[in-house]
Amino acid sequence: MVQTLDGTLNTTLRYDRSGSIVSEIDTQPGTTVTFSSPTSGKSFSWPFANLLRTDYTNGGALGSDATSYGSGLGIKVPGVPAADSGRIVFDAVVVDTTPSGVPIVAFEGVISVHGHEVDPDAVDTAVCAALAP
């Protein structure tokens, strides 16, 4: 199976008066996720309609804590009546930065989940069925 993203990924940083990063918002306007199978030639796609906001402590410095809030739609698989949707909040830590200074975080744990979550086994089964030869 191959997963591709096709579209635009936007990152907006907010700074405090001293120039330290306080938060980041990531969006993907018009972006599509596609799962495909080179073996069967089959594929399916869905809109990547999520928003991720991250609040930083210590200006987003390496090793500092962060909290990330993800919301929107998750995977939408043929044969599964509804997509994952809602909000998930993660504990995170800054592990690196991009060359342009955007912090990169690693999620360390889930703080809370609200919304509709599809059974992961049902998703796996549906993905396999949708891409089977």
N, C-alpha and C. Protein backbone atom coordinates (compact mmCIF):
# COMPACT_ATOMS: atom_id res chain seq x y z
N MET A 1 0.84 -1.17 0.00
CA MET A 1 0.00 0.00 0.00
C MET A 1 0.89 1.25 0.00
N VAL A 2 0.44 2.24 -0.72
CA VAL A 2 1.14 3.52 -0.80
C VAL A 2 0.17 4.62 -0.35
N GLN A 3 0.66 5.53 0.49
CA GLN A 3 -0.14 6.68 0.92
C GLN A 3 0.49 7.93 0.35
N THR A 4 -0.33 8.78 -0.29
CA THR A 4 0.18 10.05 -0.83
C THR A 4 -0.69 11.20 -0.35
N LEU A 5 -0.07 12.35 -0.23
CA LEU A 5 -0.75 13.62 0.06
C LEU A 5 -0.58 14.50 -1.15
N ASP A 6 -1.67 15.09 -1.62
CA ASP A 6 -1.61 15.98 -2.77
C ASP A 6 -2.31 17.28 -2.40
N GLY A 7 -1.55 18.35 -2.28
CA GLY A 7 -2.15 19.63 -1.94
C GLY A 7 -1.14 20.55 -1.28
N THR A 8 -1.66 21.52 -0.58
CA THR A 8 -0.86 22.55 0.06
C THR A 8 -0.92 22.38 1.56
N LEU A 9 0.22 22.43 2.21
CA LEU A 9 0.29 22.41 3.66
C LEU A 9 0.76 23.78 4.11
N ASN A 10 -0.03 24.44 4.97
CA ASN A 10 0.30 25.78 5.45
C ASN A 10 0.61 25.77 6.94
N THR A 11 1.63 26.50 7.34
CA THR A 11 1.98 26.68 8.74
C THR A 11 2.00 28.17 9.04
N THR A 12 1.28 28.56 10.09
CA THR A 12 1.28 29.95 10.55
C THR A 12 1.78 29.97 11.98
N LEU A 13 2.82 30.77 12.24
CA LEU A 13 3.37 30.91 13.58
C LEU A 13 2.90 32.23 14.20
N ARG A 14 2.61 32.19 15.51
CA ARG A 14 2.29 33.39 16.26
C ARG A 14 3.40 33.63 17.27
N TYR A 15 3.79 34.89 17.41
CA TYR A 15 4.89 35.27 18.29
C TYR A 15 4.40 36.22 19.38
N ASP A 16 5.08 36.22 20.52
CA ASP A 16 4.77 37.22 21.55
C ASP A 16 5.59 38.48 21.26
N ARG A 17 5.45 39.49 22.09
CA ARG A 17 6.13 40.77 21.87
C ARG A 17 7.65 40.67 21.90
N SER A 18 8.15 39.65 22.59
CA SER A 18 9.61 39.50 22.66
C SER A 18 10.17 38.71 21.48
N GLY A 19 9.27 38.21 20.60
CA GLY A 19 9.71 37.47 19.42
C GLY A 19 9.75 35.96 19.61
N SER A 20 9.27 35.46 20.74
CA SER A 20 9.22 34.02 20.99
C SER A 20 7.96 33.42 20.37
N ILE A 21 8.09 32.23 19.82
CA ILE A 21 6.94 31.54 19.25
C ILE A 21 6.03 31.10 20.39
N VAL A 22 4.73 31.42 20.26
CA VAL A 22 3.76 30.97 21.27
C VAL A 22 2.82 29.90 20.74
N SER A 23 2.56 29.92 19.43
CA SER A 23 1.68 28.89 18.87
C SER A 23 1.88 28.76 17.37
N GLU A 24 1.34 27.65 16.86
CA GLU A 24 1.43 27.32 15.43
C GLU A 24 0.09 26.77 15.01
N ILE A 25 -0.34 27.13 13.80
CA ILE A 25 -1.54 26.54 13.22
C ILE A 25 -1.16 25.95 11.87
N ASP A 26 -1.49 24.65 11.70
CA ASP A 26 -1.23 23.95 10.45
C ASP A 26 -2.55 23.59 9.78
N THR A 27 -2.68 23.95 8.50
CA THR A 27 -3.88 23.63 7.73
C THR A 27 -3.45 23.03 6.39
N GLN A 28 -4.42 22.44 5.70
CA GLN A 28 -4.15 21.77 4.43
C GLN A 28 -5.28 22.07 3.44
N PRO A 29 -5.45 23.31 3.04
CA PRO A 29 -6.58 23.64 2.16
C PRO A 29 -6.51 22.89 0.83
N GLY A 30 -7.59 22.19 0.50
CA GLY A 30 -7.67 21.48 -0.78
C GLY A 30 -6.79 20.26 -0.88
N THR A 31 -6.26 19.76 0.21
CA THR A 31 -5.36 18.61 0.18
C THR A 31 -6.16 17.31 0.21
N THR A 32 -5.68 16.32 -0.52
CA THR A 32 -6.31 15.00 -0.60
C THR A 32 -5.31 13.94 -0.16
N VAL A 33 -5.81 12.95 0.59
CA VAL A 33 -5.03 11.77 0.96
C VAL A 33 -5.50 10.63 0.07
N THR A 34 -4.55 9.87 -0.47
CA THR A 34 -4.90 8.72 -1.30
C THR A 34 -4.15 7.49 -0.81
N PHE A 35 -4.88 6.40 -0.65
CA PHE A 35 -4.28 5.08 -0.43
C PHE A 35 -4.39 4.34 -1.75
N SER A 36 -3.31 3.71 -2.17
CA SER A 36 -3.34 2.96 -3.42
C SER A 36 -2.55 1.66 -3.28
N SER A 37 -2.89 0.72 -4.14
CA SER A 37 -2.20 -0.56 -4.17
C SER A 37 -1.57 -0.76 -5.54
N PRO A 38 -0.23 -0.79 -5.62
CA PRO A 38 0.41 -1.06 -6.90
C PRO A 38 0.05 -2.45 -7.43
N THR A 39 -0.24 -3.39 -6.55
CA THR A 39 -0.57 -4.76 -6.96
C THR A 39 -1.91 -4.83 -7.66
N SER A 40 -2.95 -4.21 -7.07
CA SER A 40 -4.29 -4.30 -7.64
C SER A 40 -4.62 -3.15 -8.59
N GLY A 41 -3.87 -2.06 -8.48
CA GLY A 41 -4.18 -0.87 -9.26
C GLY A 41 -5.34 -0.07 -8.71
N LYS A 42 -5.87 -0.47 -7.55
CA LYS A 42 -7.01 0.22 -6.94
C LYS A 42 -6.53 1.32 -5.99
N SER A 43 -7.41 2.31 -5.79
CA SER A 43 -7.10 3.39 -4.86
C SER A 43 -8.39 4.01 -4.35
N PHE A 44 -8.28 4.76 -3.27
CA PHE A 44 -9.38 5.59 -2.79
C PHE A 44 -8.77 6.82 -2.12
N SER A 45 -9.55 7.90 -2.13
CA SER A 45 -9.07 9.19 -1.61
C SER A 45 -10.13 9.82 -0.72
N TRP A 46 -9.69 10.77 0.10
CA TRP A 46 -10.60 11.58 0.91
C TRP A 46 -9.91 12.91 1.19
N PRO A 47 -10.72 13.96 1.49
CA PRO A 47 -10.13 15.26 1.79
C PRO A 47 -9.36 15.21 3.11
N PHE A 48 -8.19 15.80 3.12
CA PHE A 48 -7.40 15.92 4.35
C PHE A 48 -7.84 17.23 4.99
N ALA A 49 -8.92 17.15 5.76
CA ALA A 49 -9.56 18.34 6.30
C ALA A 49 -9.32 18.43 7.80
N ASN A 50 -8.10 18.71 8.18
CA ASN A 50 -7.74 18.79 9.59
C ASN A 50 -7.09 20.13 9.91
N LEU A 51 -7.11 20.45 11.18
CA LEU A 51 -6.40 21.62 11.68
C LEU A 51 -5.61 21.15 12.89
N LEU A 52 -4.36 21.54 12.95
CA LEU A 52 -3.53 21.22 14.11
C LEU A 52 -3.00 22.53 14.68
N ARG A 53 -3.36 22.78 15.95
CA ARG A 53 -2.82 23.95 16.65
C ARG A 53 -1.90 23.45 17.74
N THR A 54 -0.73 24.04 17.82
CA THR A 54 0.23 23.68 18.87
C THR A 54 0.57 24.92 19.66
N ASP A 55 0.45 24.81 20.98
CA ASP A 55 0.85 25.87 21.90
C ASP A 55 2.20 25.51 22.49
N TYR A 56 3.14 26.45 22.44
CA TYR A 56 4.50 26.19 22.89
C TYR A 56 4.81 26.87 24.22
N THR A 57 5.63 26.21 25.02
CA THR A 57 6.23 26.84 26.19
C THR A 57 7.66 27.17 25.80
N ASN A 58 8.25 28.11 26.43
CA ASN A 58 9.66 28.43 26.23
C ASN A 58 10.00 28.75 24.77
N GLY A 59 9.06 29.38 24.06
CA GLY A 59 9.33 29.84 22.70
C GLY A 59 9.57 28.76 21.68
N GLY A 60 9.17 27.53 21.99
CA GLY A 60 9.39 26.42 21.05
C GLY A 60 10.82 25.94 21.04
N ALA A 61 11.57 26.20 22.11
CA ALA A 61 12.98 25.77 22.18
C ALA A 61 13.07 24.24 22.24
N LEU A 62 14.15 23.73 21.72
CA LEU A 62 14.41 22.29 21.72
C LEU A 62 14.24 21.72 23.13
N GLY A 63 13.46 20.66 23.25
CA GLY A 63 13.23 20.00 24.53
C GLY A 63 12.09 20.58 25.35
N SER A 64 11.51 21.70 24.90
CA SER A 64 10.42 22.31 25.68
C SER A 64 9.10 21.59 25.41
N ASP A 65 8.19 21.70 26.38
CA ASP A 65 6.88 21.08 26.29
C ASP A 65 5.98 21.86 25.34
N ALA A 66 5.02 21.14 24.78
CA ALA A 66 4.01 21.75 23.92
C ALA A 66 2.72 20.95 24.08
N THR A 67 1.62 21.56 23.68
CA THR A 67 0.34 20.87 23.64
C THR A 67 -0.23 21.07 22.25
N SER A 68 -0.63 19.96 21.60
CA SER A 68 -1.18 20.02 20.24
C SER A 68 -2.64 19.61 20.26
N TYR A 69 -3.45 20.37 19.51
CA TYR A 69 -4.88 20.15 19.42
C TYR A 69 -5.23 19.86 17.96
N GLY A 70 -5.61 18.63 17.66
CA GLY A 70 -5.99 18.26 16.30
C GLY A 70 -7.50 18.17 16.19
N SER A 71 -8.06 18.70 15.11
CA SER A 71 -9.50 18.59 14.90
C SER A 71 -9.79 18.48 13.41
N GLY A 72 -10.91 17.85 13.11
CA GLY A 72 -11.32 17.70 11.72
C GLY A 72 -11.74 16.28 11.42
N LEU A 73 -11.56 15.88 10.16
CA LEU A 73 -11.94 14.55 9.69
C LEU A 73 -10.70 13.67 9.56
N GLY A 74 -10.86 12.40 9.94
CA GLY A 74 -9.80 11.43 9.75
C GLY A 74 -10.05 10.60 8.51
N ILE A 75 -9.50 9.41 8.50
CA ILE A 75 -9.60 8.52 7.36
C ILE A 75 -11.06 8.20 7.03
N LYS A 76 -11.39 8.24 5.74
CA LYS A 76 -12.72 7.87 5.24
C LYS A 76 -12.53 6.74 4.25
N VAL A 77 -12.92 5.53 4.67
CA VAL A 77 -12.67 4.33 3.88
C VAL A 77 -13.98 3.81 3.27
N PRO A 78 -13.95 3.41 2.00
CA PRO A 78 -15.15 2.79 1.42
C PRO A 78 -15.57 1.58 2.27
N GLY A 79 -16.87 1.46 2.52
CA GLY A 79 -17.37 0.35 3.32
C GLY A 79 -17.50 0.67 4.80
N VAL A 80 -16.95 1.79 5.24
CA VAL A 80 -17.11 2.23 6.63
C VAL A 80 -18.01 3.46 6.57
N PRO A 81 -19.18 3.40 7.25
CA PRO A 81 -20.18 4.46 7.05
C PRO A 81 -19.76 5.87 7.45
N ALA A 82 -18.84 6.03 8.41
CA ALA A 82 -18.48 7.38 8.86
C ALA A 82 -16.97 7.49 9.01
N ALA A 83 -16.47 8.70 8.87
CA ALA A 83 -15.05 8.97 9.08
C ALA A 83 -14.79 9.26 10.55
N ASP A 84 -13.54 9.08 10.97
CA ASP A 84 -13.14 9.61 12.27
C ASP A 84 -13.36 11.12 12.20
N SER A 85 -13.86 11.68 13.28
CA SER A 85 -14.02 13.13 13.32
C SER A 85 -14.04 13.58 14.77
N GLY A 86 -13.63 14.80 14.99
CA GLY A 86 -13.65 15.34 16.33
C GLY A 86 -12.37 16.06 16.68
N ARG A 87 -11.98 15.92 17.96
CA ARG A 87 -10.80 16.63 18.46
C ARG A 87 -9.98 15.70 19.34
N ILE A 88 -8.67 15.76 19.17
CA ILE A 88 -7.75 15.00 20.00
C ILE A 88 -6.67 15.96 20.50
N VAL A 89 -6.30 15.83 21.77
CA VAL A 89 -5.30 16.71 22.37
C VAL A 89 -4.11 15.85 22.79
N PHE A 90 -2.91 16.28 22.41
CA PHE A 90 -1.68 15.54 22.68
C PHE A 90 -0.73 16.33 23.58
N ASP A 91 -0.04 15.62 24.48
CA ASP A 91 1.17 16.14 25.10
C ASP A 91 2.26 16.02 24.04
N ALA A 92 3.12 17.00 23.94
CA ALA A 92 4.18 16.96 22.93
C ALA A 92 5.45 17.59 23.49
N VAL A 93 6.54 17.36 22.78
CA VAL A 93 7.82 17.97 23.12
C VAL A 93 8.49 18.38 21.82
N VAL A 94 9.19 19.51 21.85
CA VAL A 94 9.91 19.98 20.66
C VAL A 94 11.18 19.15 20.51
N VAL A 95 11.31 18.49 19.35
CA VAL A 95 12.45 17.60 19.11
C VAL A 95 13.41 18.13 18.05
N ASP A 96 12.98 19.14 17.30
CA ASP A 96 13.83 19.68 16.22
C ASP A 96 13.18 20.95 15.71
N THR A 97 13.82 21.60 14.75
CA THR A 97 13.23 22.73 14.04
C THR A 97 13.58 22.60 12.57
N THR A 98 12.72 23.16 11.73
CA THR A 98 13.01 23.19 10.30
C THR A 98 14.09 24.25 10.05
N PRO A 99 14.71 24.25 8.88
CA PRO A 99 15.69 25.29 8.58
C PRO A 99 15.12 26.71 8.68
N SER A 100 13.80 26.84 8.50
CA SER A 100 13.20 28.18 8.60
C SER A 100 12.72 28.50 10.02
N GLY A 101 13.00 27.62 10.99
CA GLY A 101 12.71 27.92 12.38
C GLY A 101 11.38 27.43 12.92
N VAL A 102 10.66 26.59 12.17
CA VAL A 102 9.39 26.05 12.65
C VAL A 102 9.69 24.86 13.56
N PRO A 103 9.19 24.88 14.80
CA PRO A 103 9.44 23.74 15.69
C PRO A 103 8.80 22.45 15.16
N ILE A 104 9.46 21.35 15.39
CA ILE A 104 8.93 20.02 15.08
C ILE A 104 8.70 19.32 16.41
N VAL A 105 7.47 18.81 16.60
CA VAL A 105 7.15 18.17 17.87
C VAL A 105 6.96 16.68 17.69
N ALA A 106 7.19 15.95 18.78
CA ALA A 106 6.86 14.54 18.87
C ALA A 106 5.72 14.43 19.87
N PHE A 107 4.67 13.71 19.49
CA PHE A 107 3.56 13.49 20.41
C PHE A 107 3.99 12.46 21.44
N GLU A 108 3.74 12.75 22.71
CA GLU A 108 4.16 11.85 23.78
C GLU A 108 3.00 11.11 24.42
N GLY A 109 1.81 11.56 24.21
CA GLY A 109 0.64 10.91 24.79
C GLY A 109 -0.62 11.67 24.46
N VAL A 110 -1.74 10.97 24.59
CA VAL A 110 -3.04 11.56 24.34
C VAL A 110 -3.61 12.08 25.65
N ILE A 111 -4.00 13.34 25.66
CA ILE A 111 -4.63 13.94 26.84
C ILE A 111 -6.14 13.68 26.81
N SER A 112 -6.77 13.90 25.65
CA SER A 112 -8.21 13.68 25.55
C SER A 112 -8.61 13.46 24.10
N VAL A 113 -9.77 12.79 23.94
CA VAL A 113 -10.36 12.54 22.62
C VAL A 113 -11.85 12.82 22.74
N HIS A 114 -12.38 13.60 21.81
CA HIS A 114 -13.82 13.90 21.76
C HIS A 114 -14.26 13.78 20.32
N GLY A 115 -15.38 13.10 20.10
CA GLY A 115 -15.92 13.00 18.75
C GLY A 115 -16.23 11.57 18.39
N HIS A 116 -16.16 11.28 17.11
CA HIS A 116 -16.48 9.95 16.59
C HIS A 116 -15.20 9.24 16.18
N GLU A 117 -14.96 8.09 16.77
CA GLU A 117 -13.77 7.31 16.42
C GLU A 117 -14.21 5.98 15.85
N VAL A 118 -13.73 5.66 14.65
CA VAL A 118 -14.05 4.40 13.99
C VAL A 118 -13.14 3.32 14.56
N ASP A 119 -13.69 2.12 14.74
CA ASP A 119 -12.92 0.99 15.24
C ASP A 119 -11.72 0.74 14.31
N PRO A 120 -10.48 0.78 14.83
CA PRO A 120 -9.30 0.59 13.98
C PRO A 120 -9.29 -0.74 13.23
N ASP A 121 -9.82 -1.79 13.84
CA ASP A 121 -9.87 -3.09 13.14
C ASP A 121 -10.81 -3.02 11.94
N ALA A 122 -11.93 -2.31 12.09
CA ALA A 122 -12.87 -2.14 10.98
C ALA A 122 -12.23 -1.34 9.85
N VAL A 123 -11.44 -0.33 10.21
CA VAL A 123 -10.74 0.47 9.20
C VAL A 123 -9.73 -0.39 8.46
N ASP A 124 -8.92 -1.16 9.18
CA ASP A 124 -7.92 -2.03 8.54
C ASP A 124 -8.58 -3.02 7.58
N THR A 125 -9.67 -3.64 8.03
CA THR A 125 -10.39 -4.60 7.19
C THR A 125 -10.94 -3.93 5.92
N ALA A 126 -11.51 -2.74 6.09
CA ALA A 126 -12.08 -2.01 4.94
C ALA A 126 -11.01 -1.55 3.96
N VAL A 127 -9.85 -1.10 4.49
CA VAL A 127 -8.75 -0.70 3.61
C VAL A 127 -8.28 -1.89 2.78
N CYS A 128 -8.08 -3.02 3.42
CA CYS A 128 -7.65 -4.22 2.70
C CYS A 128 -8.68 -4.63 1.63
N ALA A 129 -9.97 -4.57 1.98
CA ALA A 129 -11.02 -4.93 1.02
C ALA A 129 -11.05 -3.95 -0.15
N ALA A 130 -10.89 -2.66 0.12
CA ALA A 130 -10.95 -1.65 -0.94
C ALA A 130 -9.78 -1.75 -1.91
N LEU A 131 -8.64 -2.23 -1.43
CA LEU A 131 -7.43 -2.28 -2.28
C LEU A 131 -7.11 -3.68 -2.78
N ALA A 132 -7.92 -4.66 -2.41
CA ALA A 132 -7.63 -6.04 -2.80
C ALA A 132 -7.75 -6.24 -4.30
N PRO A 133 -6.92 -7.16 -4.83
CA PRO A 133 -7.02 -7.46 -6.28
C PRO A 133 -8.35 -8.07 -6.66
